[in-house]
Amino acid sequence: MIWNSSADFFAMGGYAFYVWGSFGCCVVLMLCEPWVVLRRRMAALRQVRSQHEAGRSQP
């Protein structure tokens, strides 16, 4: 595909909403994934720590 101007490039031959929307969703998901993984890791560590503490306090 040949674009004569930047406006033609950003219009993407009439598919701009689909193309740029897809890129936008991908960027949002790629930014959210490390945050979600970090939260799940912290929750798992808290759970293991509390189980360890509970096991320690029992005679």
C-alpha atoms as a PDB file:
ATOM      1  CA  MET A   1       0.000   0.000   0.000  1.00  0.00           C
ATOM      2  CA  ILE A   2       1.335   3.442  -0.920  1.00  0.00           C
ATOM      3  CA  TRP A   3       0.498   6.490   1.167  1.00  0.00           C
ATOM      4  CA  ASN A   4       0.757   9.962  -0.341  1.00  0.00           C
ATOM      5  CA  SER A   5       0.529  11.792   2.970  1.00  0.00           C
ATOM      6  CA  SER A   6       0.542  11.185   6.686  1.00  0.00           C
ATOM      7  CA  ALA A   7      -3.243  11.583   6.687  1.00  0.00           C
ATOM      8  CA  ASP A   8      -3.487   8.665   4.249  1.00  0.00           C
ATOM      9  CA  PHE A   9      -1.202   6.636   6.492  1.00  0.00           C
ATOM     10  CA  PHE A  10      -3.284   7.296   9.596  1.00  0.00           C
ATOM     11  CA  ALA A  11      -6.526   6.613   7.689  1.00  0.00           C
ATOM     12  CA  MET A  12      -5.153   3.149   6.780  1.00  0.00           C
ATOM     13  CA  GLY A  13      -7.270   2.838   3.669  1.00  0.00           C
ATOM     14  CA  GLY A  14     -10.510   3.238   5.601  1.00  0.00           C
ATOM     15  CA  TYR A  15      -9.606   0.717   8.283  1.00  0.00           C
ATOM     16  CA  ALA A  16      -8.080   3.205  10.707  1.00  0.00           C
ATOM     17  CA  PHE A  17     -10.519   2.515  13.546  1.00  0.00           C
ATOM     18  CA  TYR A  18      -9.839  -1.228  13.416  1.00  0.00           C
ATOM     19  CA  VAL A  19      -6.058  -0.896  12.970  1.00  0.00           C
ATOM     20  CA  TRP A  20      -5.405   1.797  15.558  1.00  0.00           C
ATOM     21  CA  GLY A  21      -7.968   0.333  17.945  1.00  0.00           C
ATOM     22  CA  SER A  22      -6.152  -3.004  17.764  1.00  0.00           C
ATOM     23  CA  PHE A  23      -2.814  -1.341  18.433  1.00  0.00           C
ATOM     24  CA  GLY A  24      -4.332   0.581  21.334  1.00  0.00           C
ATOM     25  CA  CYS A  25      -5.815  -2.544  22.921  1.00  0.00           C
ATOM     26  CA  CYS A  26      -2.511  -4.347  22.540  1.00  0.00           C
ATOM     27  CA  VAL A  27      -0.591  -1.521  24.223  1.00  0.00           C
ATOM     28  CA  VAL A  28      -3.071  -1.334  27.103  1.00  0.00           C
ATOM     29  CA  LEU A  29      -2.896  -5.082  27.673  1.00  0.00           C
ATOM     30  CA  MET A  30       0.897  -5.115  27.493  1.00  0.00           C
ATOM     31  CA  LEU A  31       1.047  -2.361  30.112  1.00  0.00           C
ATOM     32  CA  CYS A  32      -1.508  -4.022  32.404  1.00  0.00           C
ATOM     33  CA  GLU A  33       0.024  -7.506  32.318  1.00  0.00           C
ATOM     34  CA  PRO A  34       3.119  -6.789  34.468  1.00  0.00           C
ATOM     35  CA  TRP A  35       0.951  -4.934  36.986  1.00  0.00           C
ATOM     36  CA  VAL A  36      -1.468  -7.875  37.274  1.00  0.00           C
ATOM     37  CA  VAL A  37       1.389 -10.371  37.581  1.00  0.00           C
ATOM     38  CA  LEU A  38       3.013  -8.285  40.323  1.00  0.00           C
ATOM     39  CA  ARG A  39      -0.242  -8.089  42.284  1.00  0.00           C
ATOM     40  CA  ARG A  40      -0.809 -11.850  42.006  1.00  0.00           C
ATOM     41  CA  ARG A  41       2.775 -12.524  43.099  1.00  0.00           C
ATOM     42  CA  MET A  42       2.422 -10.271  46.121  1.00  0.00           C
ATOM     43  CA  ALA A  43      -0.868 -11.953  47.062  1.00  0.00           C
ATOM     44  CA  ALA A  44       0.707 -15.413  46.753  1.00  0.00           C
ATOM     45  CA  LEU A  45       3.671 -14.364  48.902  1.00  0.00           C
ATOM     46  CA  ARG A  46       1.317 -12.955  51.542  1.00  0.00           C
ATOM     47  CA  GLN A  47      -0.637 -16.213  51.552  1.00  0.00           C
ATOM     48  CA  VAL A  48       2.506 -18.331  51.904  1.00  0.00           C
ATOM     49  CA  ARG A  49       3.809 -16.052  54.654  1.00  0.00           C
ATOM     50  CA  SER A  50       0.539 -16.261  56.603  1.00  0.00           C
ATOM     51  CA  GLN A  51       0.442 -20.051  56.240  1.00  0.00           C
ATOM     52  CA  HIS A  52       4.028 -20.238  57.430  1.00  0.00           C
ATOM     53  CA  GLU A  53       3.249 -18.044  60.434  1.00  0.00           C
ATOM     54  CA  ALA A  54       0.150 -20.111  61.238  1.00  0.00           C
ATOM     55  CA  GLY A  55       2.166 -23.327  61.112  1.00  0.00           C
ATOM     56  CA  ARG A  56       4.823 -21.837  63.385  1.00  0.00           C
ATOM     57  CA  SER A  57       2.378 -20.806  66.112  1.00  0.00           C
ATOM     58  CA  GLN A  58       0.882 -24.274  66.506  1.00  0.00           C
ATOM     59  CA  PRO A  59       2.544 -26.506  69.138  1.00  0.00           C
END
